């Protein structure tokens, strides 16, 4: 091997590094990621990132990978390929009768003790993305959506009746206390503040129907209904002098 070849072998391809970084971000993202966000994360120009994304999408398709890269919702996200939907469905349905993995048990425990809680909060506690695990728990009916968080608007999750039945609990009050497993100087509330469920948006009142009247120009106009008034008393008629 020539000296030039050795030198080239020891150098890292910048494009390959950026492509790998983009793939790493997309693998842990649970929502479409925009080009600008990927550019900030990788330190590259948005135009260059957009070009690499389209190259990756084309390569996945040409190579017949089981996943594909789609541009949706103003960003990019990994999806399983549609032609394998029957296999994915069979796997998920079969998983309903299988035992929970350690990752699923840890995620379910965090939801049970911190509910309502967002996926981002659960991911922060576990240190890894829980997107796939949360989908498994949703499919098996152990957790469900519980509205949105008041400040961030993130979807919150809670445990279900199915969870209580599987665990042999009458209510969440029967969960073992968490305090004995924490350091002495910490309380359950101090571990992390609970997320707050947003108040439901009030329904706007229906508009009061108005009375159509004919305007001066002959067109139809709408006015507020007139207030009811008492009829004016009739003036007394003057009688003639009989004299």
C-alpha atoms as a PDB file:
ATOM      1  CA  UNK A   1       0.000   0.000   0.000  1.00  0.00           C
ATOM      2  CA  UNK A   2       1.406   3.384  -0.951  1.00  0.00           C
ATOM      3  CA  UNK A   3       2.066   6.142   1.521  1.00  0.00           C
ATOM      4  CA  UNK A   4      -0.788   8.106   0.021  1.00  0.00           C
ATOM      5  CA  UNK A   5      -3.132   5.185   0.618  1.00  0.00           C
ATOM      6  CA  UNK A   6      -2.071   4.872   4.244  1.00  0.00           C
ATOM      7  CA  UNK A   7      -2.587   8.559   4.728  1.00  0.00           C
ATOM      8  CA  UNK A   8      -6.045   8.353   3.196  1.00  0.00           C
ATOM      9  CA  UNK A   9      -6.980   5.345   5.328  1.00  0.00           C
ATOM     10  CA  UNK A  10      -6.094   7.207   8.488  1.00  0.00           C
ATOM     11  CA  UNK A  11      -8.257  10.197   7.657  1.00  0.00           C
ATOM     12  CA  UNK A  12     -11.919  10.321   8.568  1.00  0.00           C
ATOM     13  CA  UNK A  13     -14.402  11.204   5.864  1.00  0.00           C
ATOM     14  CA  UNK A  14     -16.214  14.336   7.138  1.00  0.00           C
ATOM     15  CA  UNK A  15     -19.311  13.523   5.094  1.00  0.00           C
ATOM     16  CA  UNK A  16     -19.497  10.040   6.570  1.00  0.00           C
ATOM     17  CA  UNK A  17     -19.172  11.430  10.090  1.00  0.00           C
ATOM     18  CA  UNK A  18     -22.017  13.897   9.541  1.00  0.00           C
ATOM     19  CA  UNK A  19     -24.208  11.215   7.966  1.00  0.00           C
ATOM     20  CA  UNK A  20     -23.625   8.981  10.961  1.00  0.00           C
ATOM     21  CA  UNK A  21     -24.451  11.823  13.350  1.00  0.00           C
ATOM     22  CA  UNK A  22     -27.693  12.550  11.491  1.00  0.00           C
ATOM     23  CA  UNK A  23     -28.678   8.875  11.649  1.00  0.00           C
ATOM     24  CA  UNK A  24     -27.917   8.768  15.382  1.00  0.00           C
ATOM     25  CA  UNK A  25     -30.194  11.754  16.068  1.00  0.00           C
ATOM     26  CA  UNK A  26     -33.018  10.388  13.936  1.00  0.00           C
ATOM     27  CA  UNK A  27     -32.851   6.997  15.666  1.00  0.00           C
ATOM     28  CA  UNK A  28     -33.690   8.519  19.067  1.00  0.00           C
ATOM     29  CA  UNK A  29     -36.164  11.177  17.890  1.00  0.00           C
ATOM     30  CA  UNK A  30     -39.838  10.460  18.564  1.00  0.00           C
ATOM     31  CA  UNK A  31     -41.016  13.304  16.317  1.00  0.00           C
ATOM     32  CA  UNK A  32     -39.922  14.594  12.887  1.00  0.00           C
ATOM     33  CA  UNK A  33     -36.670  16.576  13.147  1.00  0.00           C
ATOM     34  CA  UNK A  34     -36.251  19.680  11.003  1.00  0.00           C
ATOM     35  CA  UNK A  35     -33.215  20.414   8.849  1.00  0.00           C
ATOM     36  CA  UNK A  36     -32.348  23.472  10.928  1.00  0.00           C
ATOM     37  CA  UNK A  37     -32.317  21.439  14.142  1.00  0.00           C
ATOM     38  CA  UNK A  38     -30.070  18.794  12.574  1.00  0.00           C
ATOM     39  CA  UNK A  39     -27.773  21.517  11.246  1.00  0.00           C
ATOM     40  CA  UNK A  40     -27.398  22.991  14.737  1.00  0.00           C
ATOM     41  CA  UNK A  41     -26.743  19.564  16.238  1.00  0.00           C
ATOM     42  CA  UNK A  42     -24.078  18.628  13.680  1.00  0.00           C
ATOM     43  CA  UNK A  43     -22.581  22.074  13.153  1.00  0.00           C
ATOM     44  CA  UNK A  44     -23.146  21.874   9.407  1.00  0.00           C
ATOM     45  CA  UNK A  45     -24.920  24.193   6.981  1.00  0.00           C
ATOM     46  CA  UNK A  46     -28.655  23.508   6.482  1.00  0.00           C
ATOM     47  CA  UNK A  47     -28.219  23.074   2.717  1.00  0.00           C
ATOM     48  CA  UNK A  48     -25.545  20.425   3.259  1.00  0.00           C
ATOM     49  CA  UNK A  49     -27.690  18.618   5.841  1.00  0.00           C
ATOM     50  CA  UNK A  50     -30.691  18.661   3.497  1.00  0.00           C
ATOM     51  CA  UNK A  51     -28.559  17.130   0.730  1.00  0.00           C
ATOM     52  CA  UNK A  52     -27.269  14.388   3.044  1.00  0.00           C
ATOM     53  CA  UNK A  53     -30.799  13.590   4.218  1.00  0.00           C
ATOM     54  CA  UNK A  54     -32.006  13.096   0.669  1.00  0.00           C
ATOM     55  CA  UNK A  55     -28.973  10.957  -0.127  1.00  0.00           C
ATOM     56  CA  UNK A  56     -29.671   8.772   2.906  1.00  0.00           C
ATOM     57  CA  UNK A  57     -33.340   8.402   1.951  1.00  0.00           C
ATOM     58  CA  UNK A  58     -32.327   7.323  -1.548  1.00  0.00           C
ATOM     59  CA  UNK A  59     -29.743   4.841  -0.277  1.00  0.00           C
ATOM     60  CA  UNK A  60     -32.189   3.193   2.129  1.00  0.00           C
ATOM     61  CA  UNK A  61     -34.658   2.734  -0.713  1.00  0.00           C
ATOM     62  CA  UNK A  62     -32.082   1.396  -3.177  1.00  0.00           C
ATOM     63  CA  UNK A  63     -30.654  -1.055  -0.638  1.00  0.00           C
ATOM     64  CA  UNK A  64     -34.094  -2.371   0.293  1.00  0.00           C
ATOM     65  CA  UNK A  65     -33.666  -1.618   3.993  1.00  0.00           C
ATOM     66  CA  UNK A  66     -36.486  -2.542   6.386  1.00  0.00           C
ATOM     67  CA  UNK A  67     -36.816   1.118   7.300  1.00  0.00           C
ATOM     68  CA  UNK A  68     -37.075   4.323   5.311  1.00  0.00           C
ATOM     69  CA  UNK A  69     -36.427   8.002   5.863  1.00  0.00           C
ATOM     70  CA  UNK A  70     -39.426  10.221   5.188  1.00  0.00           C
ATOM     71  CA  UNK A  71     -39.885  13.979   5.072  1.00  0.00           C
ATOM     72  CA  UNK A  72     -43.102  14.625   7.009  1.00  0.00           C
ATOM     73  CA  UNK A  73     -44.529  17.371   9.182  1.00  0.00           C
ATOM     74  CA  UNK A  74     -41.772  19.831   8.348  1.00  0.00           C
ATOM     75  CA  UNK A  75     -39.003  17.416   9.343  1.00  0.00           C
ATOM     76  CA  UNK A  76     -37.439  13.981   8.820  1.00  0.00           C
ATOM     77  CA  UNK A  77     -38.150  10.737  10.662  1.00  0.00           C
ATOM     78  CA  UNK A  78     -37.378   7.011  10.399  1.00  0.00           C
ATOM     79  CA  UNK A  79     -40.281   4.637   9.638  1.00  0.00           C
ATOM     80  CA  UNK A  80     -40.564   0.910   9.114  1.00  0.00           C
ATOM     81  CA  UNK A  81     -41.172   0.137   5.454  1.00  0.00           C
ATOM     82  CA  UNK A  82     -44.834  -0.379   4.518  1.00  0.00           C
ATOM     83  CA  UNK A  83     -44.155  -3.701   2.772  1.00  0.00           C
ATOM     84  CA  UNK A  84     -43.183  -5.206   6.140  1.00  0.00           C
ATOM     85  CA  UNK A  85     -46.306  -3.971   7.958  1.00  0.00           C
ATOM     86  CA  UNK A  86     -47.731  -7.497   8.371  1.00  0.00           C
ATOM     87  CA  UNK A  87     -44.530  -8.708  10.055  1.00  0.00           C
ATOM     88  CA  UNK A  88     -44.404  -5.692  12.367  1.00  0.00           C
ATOM     89  CA  UNK A  89     -48.083  -6.149  13.265  1.00  0.00           C
ATOM     90  CA  UNK A  90     -47.561  -9.851  14.029  1.00  0.00           C
ATOM     91  CA  UNK A  91     -44.576  -9.001  16.220  1.00  0.00           C
ATOM     92  CA  UNK A  92     -46.487  -6.379  18.190  1.00  0.00           C
ATOM     93  CA  UNK A  93     -49.543  -8.585  18.675  1.00  0.00           C
ATOM     94  CA  UNK A  94     -47.388 -11.531  19.722  1.00  0.00           C
ATOM     95  CA  UNK A  95     -45.659  -9.255  22.216  1.00  0.00           C
ATOM     96  CA  UNK A  96     -48.942  -8.824  24.095  1.00  0.00           C
ATOM     97  CA  UNK A  97     -48.570 -12.308  25.556  1.00  0.00           C
ATOM     98  CA  UNK A  98     -44.816 -12.103  26.113  1.00  0.00           C
ATOM     99  CA  UNK A  99     -43.153 -10.979  29.304  1.00  0.00           C
ATOM    100  CA  UNK A 100     -42.153  -7.360  29.647  1.00  0.00           C
ATOM    101  CA  UNK A 101     -38.507  -6.566  29.066  1.00  0.00           C
ATOM    102  CA  UNK A 102     -36.394  -4.864  31.703  1.00  0.00           C
ATOM    103  CA  UNK A 103     -36.631  -1.610  29.742  1.00  0.00           C
ATOM    104  CA  UNK A 104     -40.436  -1.858  29.623  1.00  0.00           C
ATOM    105  CA  UNK A 105     -40.635  -2.591  33.351  1.00  0.00           C
ATOM    106  CA  UNK A 106     -38.444   0.411  34.179  1.00  0.00           C
ATOM    107  CA  UNK A 107     -40.511   2.678  31.933  1.00  0.00           C
ATOM    108  CA  UNK A 108     -43.778   1.390  33.375  1.00  0.00           C
ATOM    109  CA  UNK A 109     -42.520   1.963  36.909  1.00  0.00           C
ATOM    110  CA  UNK A 110     -41.649   5.589  36.128  1.00  0.00           C
ATOM    111  CA  UNK A 111     -45.093   6.177  34.625  1.00  0.00           C
ATOM    112  CA  UNK A 112     -46.786   4.533  37.611  1.00  0.00           C
ATOM    113  CA  UNK A 113     -45.009   6.673  40.212  1.00  0.00           C
ATOM    114  CA  UNK A 114     -44.769   9.956  38.286  1.00  0.00           C
ATOM    115  CA  UNK A 115     -48.073   9.977  36.367  1.00  0.00           C
ATOM    116  CA  UNK A 116     -49.212  11.916  34.522  1.00  0.00           C
ATOM    117  CA  UNK A 117     -45.804  12.082  32.871  1.00  0.00           C
ATOM    118  CA  UNK A 118     -44.444  12.848  29.388  1.00  0.00           C
ATOM    119  CA  UNK A 119     -42.174  10.634  27.317  1.00  0.00           C
ATOM    120  CA  UNK A 120     -39.465  13.301  27.536  1.00  0.00           C
ATOM    121  CA  UNK A 121     -39.525  13.115  31.339  1.00  0.00           C
ATOM    122  CA  UNK A 122     -39.378   9.315  31.295  1.00  0.00           C
ATOM    123  CA  UNK A 123     -36.496   9.446  28.807  1.00  0.00           C
ATOM    124  CA  UNK A 124     -34.668  11.907  31.061  1.00  0.00           C
ATOM    125  CA  UNK A 125     -35.017   9.583  34.044  1.00  0.00           C
ATOM    126  CA  UNK A 126     -33.884   6.478  32.128  1.00  0.00           C
ATOM    127  CA  UNK A 127     -31.243   8.255  30.060  1.00  0.00           C
ATOM    128  CA  UNK A 128     -32.423   6.716  26.769  1.00  0.00           C
ATOM    129  CA  UNK A 129     -35.268   7.218  24.329  1.00  0.00           C
ATOM    130  CA  UNK A 130     -38.447   5.388  25.390  1.00  0.00           C
ATOM    131  CA  UNK A 131     -40.405   5.925  22.174  1.00  0.00           C
ATOM    132  CA  UNK A 132     -40.452   2.250  21.194  1.00  0.00           C
ATOM    133  CA  UNK A 133     -41.025   1.004  24.731  1.00  0.00           C
ATOM    134  CA  UNK A 134     -43.911   3.422  25.238  1.00  0.00           C
ATOM    135  CA  UNK A 135     -45.547   2.199  22.042  1.00  0.00           C
ATOM    136  CA  UNK A 136     -45.302  -1.349  23.361  1.00  0.00           C
ATOM    137  CA  UNK A 137     -46.940  -0.365  26.654  1.00  0.00           C
ATOM    138  CA  UNK A 138     -49.688   1.482  24.766  1.00  0.00           C
ATOM    139  CA  UNK A 139     -50.286  -1.529  22.515  1.00  0.00           C
ATOM    140  CA  UNK A 140     -50.587  -3.833  25.504  1.00  0.00           C
ATOM    141  CA  UNK A 141     -53.011  -1.482  27.223  1.00  0.00           C
ATOM    142  CA  UNK A 142     -50.834  -0.836  30.281  1.00  0.00           C
ATOM    143  CA  UNK A 143     -50.596   2.929  29.735  1.00  0.00           C
ATOM    144  CA  UNK A 144     -52.789   5.453  27.956  1.00  0.00           C
ATOM    145  CA  UNK A 145     -52.737   9.126  27.044  1.00  0.00           C
ATOM    146  CA  UNK A 146     -53.850  11.498  29.787  1.00  0.00           C
ATOM    147  CA  UNK A 147     -54.027  14.925  28.128  1.00  0.00           C
ATOM    148  CA  UNK A 148     -51.224  17.449  27.623  1.00  0.00           C
ATOM    149  CA  UNK A 149     -48.767  19.186  29.936  1.00  0.00           C
ATOM    150  CA  UNK A 150     -49.747  22.745  30.876  1.00  0.00           C
ATOM    151  CA  UNK A 151     -46.467  24.490  29.991  1.00  0.00           C
ATOM    152  CA  UNK A 152     -44.857  22.423  27.229  1.00  0.00           C
ATOM    153  CA  UNK A 153     -47.935  20.961  25.512  1.00  0.00           C
ATOM    154  CA  UNK A 154     -46.333  17.494  25.555  1.00  0.00           C
ATOM    155  CA  UNK A 155     -48.615  14.453  25.689  1.00  0.00           C
ATOM    156  CA  UNK A 156     -48.871  12.970  29.174  1.00  0.00           C
ATOM    157  CA  UNK A 157     -49.335   9.293  30.009  1.00  0.00           C
ATOM    158  CA  UNK A 158     -50.853   7.365  32.892  1.00  0.00           C
ATOM    159  CA  UNK A 159     -51.379   3.740  33.826  1.00  0.00           C
ATOM    160  CA  UNK A 160     -54.651   1.952  33.066  1.00  0.00           C
ATOM    161  CA  UNK A 161     -57.085  -0.405  34.763  1.00  0.00           C
ATOM    162  CA  UNK A 162     -55.335  -3.200  32.887  1.00  0.00           C
ATOM    163  CA  UNK A 163     -52.135  -2.238  34.708  1.00  0.00           C
ATOM    164  CA  UNK A 164     -53.873  -2.497  38.084  1.00  0.00           C
ATOM    165  CA  UNK A 165     -55.330  -5.888  37.192  1.00  0.00           C
ATOM    166  CA  UNK A 166     -52.001  -7.263  35.985  1.00  0.00           C
ATOM    167  CA  UNK A 167     -50.278  -6.032  39.140  1.00  0.00           C
ATOM    168  CA  UNK A 168     -53.043  -7.252  41.437  1.00  0.00           C
ATOM    169  CA  UNK A 169     -53.757  -3.770  42.797  1.00  0.00           C
ATOM    170  CA  UNK A 170     -57.075  -2.191  43.721  1.00  0.00           C
ATOM    171  CA  UNK A 171     -55.774   1.338  43.150  1.00  0.00           C
ATOM    172  CA  UNK A 172     -52.567   3.287  42.759  1.00  0.00           C
ATOM    173  CA  UNK A 173     -52.572   3.827  46.516  1.00  0.00           C
ATOM    174  CA  UNK A 174     -51.571   0.168  46.807  1.00  0.00           C
ATOM    175  CA  UNK A 175     -48.255   0.754  45.041  1.00  0.00           C
ATOM    176  CA  UNK A 176     -45.263   0.105  47.312  1.00  0.00           C
ATOM    177  CA  UNK A 177     -43.910   3.366  48.767  1.00  0.00           C
ATOM    178  CA  UNK A 178     -41.006   4.797  46.806  1.00  0.00           C
ATOM    179  CA  UNK A 179     -39.426   6.697  49.692  1.00  0.00           C
ATOM    180  CA  UNK A 180     -37.508   3.707  51.202  1.00  0.00           C
ATOM    181  CA  UNK A 181     -35.552   3.382  47.940  1.00  0.00           C
ATOM    182  CA  UNK A 182     -34.388   7.037  47.903  1.00  0.00           C
ATOM    183  CA  UNK A 183     -31.390   8.559  49.706  1.00  0.00           C
ATOM    184  CA  UNK A 184     -32.190   9.918  53.149  1.00  0.00           C
ATOM    185  CA  UNK A 185     -31.672  13.530  52.103  1.00  0.00           C
ATOM    186  CA  UNK A 186     -34.223  13.318  49.265  1.00  0.00           C
ATOM    187  CA  UNK A 187     -37.999  13.140  49.211  1.00  0.00           C
ATOM    188  CA  UNK A 188     -40.212  11.871  46.404  1.00  0.00           C
ATOM    189  CA  UNK A 189     -41.261  15.439  45.510  1.00  0.00           C
ATOM    190  CA  UNK A 190     -37.651  16.636  45.414  1.00  0.00           C
ATOM    191  CA  UNK A 191     -36.559  14.003  42.915  1.00  0.00           C
ATOM    192  CA  UNK A 192     -38.302  15.908  40.138  1.00  0.00           C
ATOM    193  CA  UNK A 193     -41.330  18.226  40.054  1.00  0.00           C
ATOM    194  CA  UNK A 194     -44.504  16.605  38.784  1.00  0.00           C
ATOM    195  CA  UNK A 195     -45.844  17.694  35.415  1.00  0.00           C
ATOM    196  CA  UNK A 196     -49.167  19.505  35.491  1.00  0.00           C
ATOM    197  CA  UNK A 197     -52.125  18.523  33.345  1.00  0.00           C
ATOM    198  CA  UNK A 198     -53.440  21.418  31.266  1.00  0.00           C
ATOM    199  CA  UNK A 199     -56.956  22.656  31.931  1.00  0.00           C
ATOM    200  CA  UNK A 200     -59.479  21.709  29.238  1.00  0.00           C
ATOM    201  CA  UNK A 201     -60.172  24.466  26.741  1.00  0.00           C
ATOM    202  CA  UNK A 202     -63.633  25.955  27.439  1.00  0.00           C
ATOM    203  CA  UNK A 203     -66.169  25.613  24.666  1.00  0.00           C
ATOM    204  CA  UNK A 204     -67.138  28.921  23.091  1.00  0.00           C
ATOM    205  CA  UNK A 205     -70.805  29.834  23.626  1.00  0.00           C
ATOM    206  CA  UNK A 206     -73.069  29.613  20.629  1.00  0.00           C
ATOM    207  CA  UNK A 207     -73.807  33.003  19.000  1.00  0.00           C
ATOM    208  CA  UNK A 208     -77.179  34.583  19.705  1.00  0.00           C
ATOM    209  CA  UNK A 209     -79.363  34.460  16.562  1.00  0.00           C
ATOM    210  CA  UNK A 210     -80.064  37.871  15.081  1.00  0.00           C
ATOM    211  CA  UNK A 211     -83.135  39.284  13.363  1.00  0.00           C
ATOM    212  CA  UNK A 212     -82.752  40.031   9.648  1.00  0.00           C
ATOM    213  CA  UNK A 213     -83.971  43.449   8.545  1.00  0.00           C
ATOM    214  CA  UNK A 214     -84.021  45.196   5.204  1.00  0.00           C
ATOM    215  CA  UNK A 215     -81.490  47.992   4.898  1.00  0.00           C
ATOM    216  CA  UNK A 216     -81.835  51.283   3.070  1.00  0.00           C
ATOM    217  CA  UNK A 217     -80.140  49.882   0.010  1.00  0.00           C
ATOM    218  CA  UNK A 218     -82.557  46.997  -0.244  1.00  0.00           C
ATOM    219  CA  UNK A 219     -79.977  44.453   0.958  1.00  0.00           C
ATOM    220  CA  UNK A 220     -80.462  42.171   3.917  1.00  0.00           C
ATOM    221  CA  UNK A 221     -78.705  43.247   7.117  1.00  0.00           C
ATOM    222  CA  UNK A 222     -78.396  41.601  10.532  1.00  0.00           C
ATOM    223  CA  UNK A 223     -79.083  43.479  13.714  1.00  0.00           C
ATOM    224  CA  UNK A 224     -79.218  42.452  17.330  1.00  0.00           C
ATOM    225  CA  UNK A 225     -82.726  41.654  18.517  1.00  0.00           C
ATOM    226  CA  UNK A 226     -84.481  44.743  19.798  1.00  0.00           C
ATOM    227  CA  UNK A 227     -85.325  44.935  23.460  1.00  0.00           C
ATOM    228  CA  UNK A 228     -88.957  44.385  24.302  1.00  0.00           C
ATOM    229  CA  UNK A 229     -90.833  47.600  25.175  1.00  0.00           C
ATOM    230  CA  UNK A 230     -94.240  48.213  26.588  1.00  0.00           C
ATOM    231  CA  UNK A 231     -96.732  49.745  24.134  1.00  0.00           C
ATOM    232  CA  UNK A 232     -97.257  53.465  24.589  1.00  0.00           C
ATOM    233  CA  UNK A 233    -100.596  54.319  26.238  1.00  0.00           C
ATOM    234  CA  UNK A 234    -103.184  55.749  23.884  1.00  0.00           C
ATOM    235  CA  UNK A 235    -103.878  59.462  24.298  1.00  0.00           C
ATOM    236  CA  UNK A 236    -107.385  60.216  25.674  1.00  0.00           C
ATOM    237  CA  UNK A 237    -109.753  61.521  23.026  1.00  0.00           C
ATOM    238  CA  UNK A 238    -111.085  65.050  23.584  1.00  0.00           C
ATOM    239  CA  UNK A 239    -114.868  65.138  23.969  1.00  0.00           C
ATOM    240  CA  UNK A 240    -117.002  67.916  22.436  1.00  0.00           C
ATOM    241  CA  UNK A 241    -118.623  70.452  24.720  1.00  0.00           C
ATOM    242  CA  UNK A 242    -122.337  69.507  24.937  1.00  0.00           C
ATOM    243  CA  UNK A 243    -123.305  73.158  25.308  1.00  0.00           C
END
